[in-house]
C-alpha atoms as a PDB file:
ATOM      1  CA  MET A   1     140.355 -42.863-106.432  1.00  0.00           C
ATOM      2  CA  LEU A   2     140.054 -46.319-104.919  1.00  0.00           C
ATOM      3  CA  GLU A   3     141.537 -47.031-101.528  1.00  0.00           C
ATOM      4  CA  VAL A   4     144.059 -49.850-101.414  1.00  0.00           C
ATOM      5  CA  PRO A   5     145.034 -51.566 -98.144  1.00  0.00           C
ATOM      6  CA  ALA A   6     148.366 -50.366 -96.809  1.00  0.00           C
ATOM      7  CA  ALA A   7     151.287 -52.343 -98.144  1.00  0.00           C
ATOM      8  CA  THR A   8     153.312 -54.600 -95.904  1.00  0.00           C
ATOM      9  CA  ALA A   9     156.991 -54.075 -95.181  1.00  0.00           C
ATOM     10  CA  ALA A  10     159.247 -53.838 -98.203  1.00  0.00           C
ATOM     11  CA  ALA A  11     160.590 -57.109 -99.507  1.00  0.00           C
ATOM     12  CA  SER A  12     164.337 -57.518 -99.057  1.00  0.00           C
ATOM     13  CA  ALA A  13     165.066 -58.114-102.712  1.00  0.00           C
ATOM     14  CA  GLY A  14     167.585 -55.392-103.502  1.00  0.00           C
ATOM     15  CA  SER A  15     167.009 -52.676-106.060  1.00  0.00           C
ATOM     16  CA  PRO A  16     165.204 -53.606-109.288  1.00  0.00           C
ATOM     17  CA  GLY A  17     167.637 -55.202-111.673  1.00  0.00           C
ATOM     18  CA  SER A  18     170.212 -56.269-109.105  1.00  0.00           C
ATOM     19  CA  GLY A  19     171.251 -59.877-108.712  1.00  0.00           C
ATOM     20  CA  VAL A  20     168.424 -61.432-110.708  1.00  0.00           C
ATOM     21  CA  GLY A  21     170.088 -62.124-114.069  1.00  0.00           C
ATOM     22  CA  ASP A  22     168.530 -60.630-117.188  1.00  0.00           C
ATOM     23  CA  PRO A  23     165.156 -59.282-115.999  1.00  0.00           C
ATOM     24  CA  LEU A  24     163.789 -59.024-119.537  1.00  0.00           C
ATOM     25  CA  ARG A  25     163.900 -62.800-119.862  1.00  0.00           C
ATOM     26  CA  GLY A  26     160.866 -63.095-117.583  1.00  0.00           C
ATOM     27  CA  ARG A  27     162.114 -65.993-115.507  1.00  0.00           C
ATOM     28  CA  ASP A  28     159.366 -65.946-112.867  1.00  0.00           C
ATOM     29  CA  ARG A  29     157.469 -69.194-112.954  1.00  0.00           C
ATOM     30  CA  VAL A  30     154.593 -70.238-110.731  1.00  0.00           C
ATOM     31  CA  SER A  31     155.839 -72.870-108.281  1.00  0.00           C
ATOM     32  CA  ALA A  32     152.405 -73.533-106.758  1.00  0.00           C
ATOM     33  CA  PRO A  33     148.815 -73.189-108.020  1.00  0.00           C
ATOM     34  CA  LEU A  34     147.998 -69.553-108.735  1.00  0.00           C
ATOM     35  CA  PRO A  35     145.389 -68.368-106.215  1.00  0.00           C
ATOM     36  CA  GLU A  36     142.219 -66.828-107.607  1.00  0.00           C
ATOM     37  CA  SER A  37     141.891 -64.360-104.739  1.00  0.00           C
ATOM     38  CA  GLY A  38     144.099 -62.843-102.087  1.00  0.00           C
ATOM     39  CA  PRO A  39     144.149 -60.647 -98.982  1.00  0.00           C
ATOM     40  CA  GLY A  40     144.368 -57.360-100.877  1.00  0.00           C
ATOM     41  CA  THR A  41     147.605 -56.396 -99.117  1.00  0.00           C
ATOM     42  CA  PHE A  42     150.853 -56.031-101.006  1.00  0.00           C
ATOM     43  CA  ARG A  43     154.585 -56.462-100.490  1.00  0.00           C
ATOM     44  CA  VAL A  44     156.609 -53.543-101.849  1.00  0.00           C
ATOM     45  CA  ALA A  45     159.805 -54.314-103.729  1.00  0.00           C
ATOM     46  CA  GLU A  46     162.702 -52.648-101.985  1.00  0.00           C
ATOM     47  CA  VAL A  47     164.668 -50.016-103.898  1.00  0.00           C
ATOM     48  CA  THR A  48     168.154 -49.475-102.513  1.00  0.00           C
ATOM     49  CA  ARG A  49     168.997 -46.507-104.757  1.00  0.00           C
ATOM     50  CA  PRO A  50     166.511 -43.648-104.416  1.00  0.00           C
ATOM     51  CA  PRO A  51     165.258 -41.956-107.586  1.00  0.00           C
ATOM     52  CA  PRO A  52     167.214 -38.915-108.744  1.00  0.00           C
ATOM     53  CA  ALA A  53     166.174 -35.591-107.279  1.00  0.00           C
ATOM     54  CA  GLY A  54     163.488 -33.967-109.373  1.00  0.00           C
ATOM     55  CA  THR A  55     162.234 -37.236-110.862  1.00  0.00           C
ATOM     56  CA  ARG A  56     158.976 -36.538-112.693  1.00  0.00           C
ATOM     57  CA  THR A  57     157.121 -39.767-111.842  1.00  0.00           C
ATOM     58  CA  ARG A  58     158.092 -42.270-109.154  1.00  0.00           C
ATOM     59  CA  TYR A  59     156.536 -45.707-109.152  1.00  0.00           C
ATOM     60  CA  SER A  60     156.480 -48.624-106.757  1.00  0.00           C
ATOM     61  CA  VAL A  61     156.165 -52.288-107.723  1.00  0.00           C
ATOM     62  CA  GLU A  62     154.084 -54.374-105.318  1.00  0.00           C
ATOM     63  CA  VAL A  63     153.003 -58.024-105.288  1.00  0.00           C
ATOM     64  CA  GLU A  64     149.933 -59.281-103.459  1.00  0.00           C
ATOM     65  CA  ASP A  65     151.075 -61.147-100.370  1.00  0.00           C
ATOM     66  CA  ASN A  66     149.821 -64.626-101.204  1.00  0.00           C
ATOM     67  CA  LEU A  67     151.342 -64.568-104.718  1.00  0.00           C
ATOM     68  CA  GLU A  68     154.847 -64.814-103.281  1.00  0.00           C
ATOM     69  CA  ALA A  69     153.966 -68.323-102.082  1.00  0.00           C
ATOM     70  CA  SER A  70     153.464 -69.192-105.768  1.00  0.00           C
ATOM     71  CA  GLY A  71     156.947 -67.971-106.652  1.00  0.00           C
ATOM     72  CA  LEU A  72     156.048 -64.463-107.810  1.00  0.00           C
ATOM     73  CA  LEU A  73     158.549 -62.534-105.705  1.00  0.00           C
ATOM     74  CA  ALA A  74     158.322 -58.768-105.401  1.00  0.00           C
ATOM     75  CA  GLY A  75     162.012 -58.231-106.126  1.00  0.00           C
ATOM     76  CA  SER A  76     162.090 -60.225-109.355  1.00  0.00           C
ATOM     77  CA  VAL A  77     158.784 -58.789-110.603  1.00  0.00           C
ATOM     78  CA  ALA A  78     160.119 -55.297-109.887  1.00  0.00           C
ATOM     79  CA  ALA A  79     163.346 -56.048-111.753  1.00  0.00           C
ATOM     80  CA  GLU A  80     161.379 -57.045-114.820  1.00  0.00           C
ATOM     81  CA  VAL A  81     159.065 -54.023-114.638  1.00  0.00           C
ATOM     82  CA  SER A  82     161.978 -51.642-114.132  1.00  0.00           C
ATOM     83  CA  ALA A  83     163.870 -53.142-117.081  1.00  0.00           C
ATOM     84  CA  VAL A  84     160.835 -52.559-119.307  1.00  0.00           C
ATOM     85  CA  LEU A  85     160.172 -49.002-118.160  1.00  0.00           C
ATOM     86  CA  SER A  86     163.826 -47.929-118.409  1.00  0.00           C
ATOM     87  CA  HIS A  87     164.386 -49.540-121.826  1.00  0.00           C
ATOM     88  CA  ARG A  88     165.384 -47.315-124.740  1.00  0.00           C
ATOM     89  CA  ARG A  89     162.221 -48.441-126.585  1.00  0.00           C
ATOM     90  CA  GLY A  90     160.035 -47.653-123.572  1.00  0.00           C
ATOM     91  CA  TRP A  91     157.966 -44.562-122.923  1.00  0.00           C
ATOM     92  CA  VAL A  92     160.881 -42.422-121.705  1.00  0.00           C
ATOM     93  CA  GLY A  93     163.437 -43.697-124.211  1.00  0.00           C
ATOM     94  CA  GLY A  94     165.842 -44.723-121.465  1.00  0.00           C
ATOM     95  CA  GLN A  95     166.143 -41.196-120.059  1.00  0.00           C
ATOM     96  CA  ALA A  96     166.823 -41.018-116.336  1.00  0.00           C
ATOM     97  CA  GLY A  97     164.728 -38.896-114.006  1.00  0.00           C
ATOM     98  CA  LEU A  98     161.441 -39.253-115.868  1.00  0.00           C
ATOM     99  CA  LEU A  99     160.061 -42.571-114.600  1.00  0.00           C
ATOM    100  CA  GLU A 100     161.946 -44.092-111.684  1.00  0.00           C
ATOM    101  CA  PRO A 101     161.314 -46.820-109.065  1.00  0.00           C
ATOM    102  CA  THR A 102     160.821 -46.060-105.386  1.00  0.00           C
ATOM    103  CA  ASP A 103     159.586 -47.913-102.323  1.00  0.00           C
ATOM    104  CA  THR A 104     158.179 -44.884-100.506  1.00  0.00           C
ATOM    105  CA  ASP A 105     155.540 -42.294-101.456  1.00  0.00           C
ATOM    106  CA  PRO A 106     155.101 -43.304-105.107  1.00  0.00           C
ATOM    107  CA  ASP A 107     153.202 -41.235-107.641  1.00  0.00           C
ATOM    108  CA  LEU A 108     152.131 -44.481-109.306  1.00  0.00           C
ATOM    109  CA  ARG A 109     151.618 -47.933-107.797  1.00  0.00           C
ATOM    110  CA  ILE A 110     152.175 -50.924-110.088  1.00  0.00           C
ATOM    111  CA  LEU A 111     150.420 -53.865-108.445  1.00  0.00           C
ATOM    112  CA  LEU A 112     150.596 -57.547-109.387  1.00  0.00           C
ATOM    113  CA  ALA A 113     147.344 -58.955-108.028  1.00  0.00           C
ATOM    114  CA  THR A 114     145.230 -62.100-108.040  1.00  0.00           C
ATOM    115  CA  PRO A 115     142.284 -62.117-110.474  1.00  0.00           C
ATOM    116  CA  ALA A 116     139.696 -61.362-107.768  1.00  0.00           C
ATOM    117  CA  THR A 117     141.722 -58.506-106.282  1.00  0.00           C
ATOM    118  CA  THR A 118     142.317 -57.135-109.785  1.00  0.00           C
ATOM    119  CA  ASP A 119     138.563 -57.066-110.368  1.00  0.00           C
ATOM    120  CA  ARG A 120     137.995 -55.235-107.090  1.00  0.00           C
ATOM    121  CA  LEU A 121     140.731 -52.636-107.626  1.00  0.00           C
ATOM    122  CA  CYS A 122     139.784 -52.042-111.264  1.00  0.00           C
ATOM    123  CA  ALA A 123     136.075 -51.475-110.572  1.00  0.00           C
ATOM    124  CA  PRO A 124     133.979 -49.980-112.083  1.00  0.00           C
ATOM    125  CA  LEU A 125     135.929 -51.360-115.055  1.00  0.00           C
ATOM    126  CA  ASN A 126     134.858 -54.950-115.713  1.00  0.00           C
ATOM    127  CA  THR A 127     138.060 -56.996-115.871  1.00  0.00           C
ATOM    128  CA  ARG A 128     136.203 -60.330-115.447  1.00  0.00           C
ATOM    129  CA  GLY A 129     139.108 -62.013-113.692  1.00  0.00           C
ATOM    130  CA  GLU A 130     141.020 -61.921-116.989  1.00  0.00           C
ATOM    131  CA  LEU A 131     142.167 -58.402-117.794  1.00  0.00           C
ATOM    132  CA  SER A 132     144.409 -55.757-116.226  1.00  0.00           C
ATOM    133  CA  CYS A 133     143.800 -52.035-115.829  1.00  0.00           C
ATOM    134  CA  ARG A 134     144.898 -48.610-114.832  1.00  0.00           C
ATOM    135  CA  ASN A 135     142.651 -47.015-112.226  1.00  0.00           C
ATOM    136  CA  GLY A 136     143.666 -43.620-110.874  1.00  0.00           C
ATOM    137  CA  GLN A 137     147.209 -43.836-109.523  1.00  0.00           C
ATOM    138  CA  MET A 138     147.204 -47.631-109.722  1.00  0.00           C
ATOM    139  CA  VAL A 139     148.308 -49.925-112.516  1.00  0.00           C
ATOM    140  CA  VAL A 140     146.872 -53.342-111.676  1.00  0.00           C
ATOM    141  CA  LEU A 141     148.464 -56.287-113.484  1.00  0.00           C
ATOM    142  CA  ASN A 142     146.428 -59.471-113.379  1.00  0.00           C
ATOM    143  CA  ALA A 143     148.616 -62.347-112.158  1.00  0.00           C
ATOM    144  CA  ARG A 144     146.720 -64.718-114.444  1.00  0.00           C
ATOM    145  CA  ARG A 145     147.959 -62.770-117.459  1.00  0.00           C
ATOM    146  CA  TRP A 146     151.430 -62.284-115.980  1.00  0.00           C
ATOM    147  CA  THR A 147     151.890 -66.043-115.729  1.00  0.00           C
ATOM    148  CA  ARG A 148     149.910 -67.251-118.769  1.00  0.00           C
ATOM    149  CA  GLY A 149     150.194 -64.465-121.343  1.00  0.00           C
ATOM    150  CA  ALA A 150     147.711 -64.112-124.204  1.00  0.00           C
ATOM    151  CA  PRO A 151     147.139 -65.806-127.598  1.00  0.00           C
ATOM    152  CA  ALA A 152     148.859 -62.996-129.517  1.00  0.00           C
ATOM    153  CA  TYR A 153     152.084 -63.831-127.667  1.00  0.00           C
ATOM    154  CA  ALA A 154     151.772 -67.630-127.618  1.00  0.00           C
ATOM    155  CA  GLY A 155     155.083 -69.090-126.476  1.00  0.00           C
ATOM    156  CA  ARG A 156     156.497 -65.613-125.841  1.00  0.00           C
ATOM    157  CA  LEU A 157     155.624 -64.807-122.247  1.00  0.00           C
ATOM    158  CA  PRO A 158     158.460 -62.268-121.728  1.00  0.00           C
ATOM    159  CA  GLY A 159     157.218 -60.325-124.761  1.00  0.00           C
ATOM    160  CA  TYR A 160     153.689 -60.318-123.423  1.00  0.00           C
ATOM    161  CA  ARG A 161     154.850 -59.025-120.054  1.00  0.00           C
ATOM    162  CA  ARG A 162     156.665 -56.167-121.770  1.00  0.00           C
ATOM    163  CA  TYR A 163     153.494 -55.326-123.645  1.00  0.00           C
ATOM    164  CA  LEU A 164     151.351 -55.555-120.501  1.00  0.00           C
ATOM    165  CA  VAL A 165     153.567 -53.199-118.506  1.00  0.00           C
ATOM    166  CA  ASN A 166     153.931 -50.687-121.343  1.00  0.00           C
ATOM    167  CA  HIS A 167     150.223 -50.740-122.203  1.00  0.00           C
ATOM    168  CA  GLU A 168     148.896 -50.174-118.692  1.00  0.00           C
ATOM    169  CA  VAL A 169     151.590 -47.668-117.721  1.00  0.00           C
ATOM    170  CA  GLY A 170     150.828 -45.958-121.029  1.00  0.00           C
ATOM    171  CA  HIS A 171     147.310 -45.333-119.740  1.00  0.00           C
ATOM    172  CA  ALA A 172     148.762 -43.859-116.533  1.00  0.00           C
ATOM    173  CA  LEU A 173     150.851 -41.519-118.690  1.00  0.00           C
ATOM    174  CA  GLY A 174     147.710 -40.286-120.446  1.00  0.00           C
ATOM    175  CA  ASN A 175     147.541 -42.475-123.553  1.00  0.00           C
ATOM    176  CA  GLY A 176     144.255 -43.919-124.814  1.00  0.00           C
ATOM    177  CA  HIS A 177     143.601 -47.035-126.858  1.00  0.00           C
ATOM    178  CA  ALA A 178     144.804 -47.256-130.461  1.00  0.00           C
ATOM    179  CA  THR A 179     143.757 -49.248-133.527  1.00  0.00           C
ATOM    180  CA  CYS A 180     145.759 -51.394-135.934  1.00  0.00           C
ATOM    181  CA  PRO A 181     147.183 -49.137-138.709  1.00  0.00           C
ATOM    182  CA  GLY A 182     147.032 -51.917-141.311  1.00  0.00           C
ATOM    183  CA  PRO A 183     147.431 -55.658-141.899  1.00  0.00           C
ATOM    184  CA  GLY A 184     150.921 -56.905-141.137  1.00  0.00           C
ATOM    185  CA  ARG A 185     151.991 -53.661-139.472  1.00  0.00           C
ATOM    186  CA  PRO A 186     153.427 -53.674-135.928  1.00  0.00           C
ATOM    187  CA  ALA A 187     150.616 -53.214-133.434  1.00  0.00           C
ATOM    188  CA  PRO A 188     150.631 -49.947-131.477  1.00  0.00           C
ATOM    189  CA  VAL A 189     151.390 -50.750-127.855  1.00  0.00           C
ATOM    190  CA  MET A 190     148.088 -49.067-126.934  1.00  0.00           C
ATOM    191  CA  LEU A 191     146.145 -51.541-129.086  1.00  0.00           C
ATOM    192  CA  GLN A 192     144.372 -54.008-126.772  1.00  0.00           C
ATOM    193  CA  GLN A 193     146.645 -56.852-127.832  1.00  0.00           C
ATOM    194  CA  THR A 194     145.395 -59.076-125.010  1.00  0.00           C
ATOM    195  CA  LEU A 195     142.072 -59.263-126.863  1.00  0.00           C
ATOM    196  CA  GLY A 196     143.486 -59.570-130.381  1.00  0.00           C
ATOM    197  CA  LEU A 197     145.673 -57.944-133.018  1.00  0.00           C
ATOM    198  CA  ASP A 198     143.133 -56.953-135.712  1.00  0.00           C
ATOM    199  CA  GLY A 199     145.580 -58.013-138.412  1.00  0.00           C
ATOM    200  CA  CYS A 200     148.664 -56.392-136.904  1.00  0.00           C
ATOM    201  CA  ARG A 201     151.791 -58.134-135.666  1.00  0.00           C
ATOM    202  CA  PRO A 202     152.443 -58.263-131.913  1.00  0.00           C
ATOM    203  CA  ASN A 203     154.608 -55.436-130.622  1.00  0.00           C
ATOM    204  CA  PRO A 204     155.326 -54.737-126.933  1.00  0.00           C
ATOM    205  CA  TRP A 205     157.091 -51.371-127.270  1.00  0.00           C
ATOM    206  CA  PRO A 206     155.863 -47.772-127.648  1.00  0.00           C
ATOM    207  CA  ARG A 207     158.995 -46.698-129.568  1.00  0.00           C
ATOM    208  CA  PRO A 208     160.404 -48.133-132.830  1.00  0.00           C
END
C-alpha cells in the first residue's frame, strides 16, 4: 500500500452536511486557477458527530492543502461526498452504520488531489493527470475531474461528481468494472463513464 504524507490538522468546517446548503448541488467552484501539482499533504474535513459504534467502514474526506486556495474547501467537499455515500440510491441504500465519515483512524481515505499528486498516489496505475483511482485504502479523486466533469455529463457537474464518488468507492468496496448492458440503457455505475458510455445513458448511482 502506498504511503501518503500525514494529513494536516482537521479543517474547522463542521460535520459533513452541516451549514452548507444542499450538498448534492455541487456548489464548489474554483475561485483561482487550479494547480497542476501540490505538496502531497491533505486537510481532513472535521466530523463533529462520530460514526455509530460498530460501523463497518469509516472514511475520511481530505483535500490537498493548496486546493483550498482555489476554493475547494475540505468541509464542503466532505458534505458533498457524505451526501452521495449516505443517499438511498448509494451503495448502502441509506443504511446507517455501514459507511460513515470520520476524521480519525479511517478505514478508507477519500482524497481530492491535484492531477500530479493523483498520478503519484495512483501509481502504478497510469492516470495521466486526467483520471481518478482507488489504490489500496485510498480513493483518489482528481481535482481536474471534480471541477470540470467529463463529456458524458456535459453541463451536469453535480451528476458527474456523484458518479465519480460512487464509482471509485465502488472499487474500494470490491466492485470491478462493468459494461453497458445495451443501447439506451442506464449505464452501470461501474462502467468507466469518464471515458465514454458505449451507447448507455449516464447514471451516477449503483441502485435504481
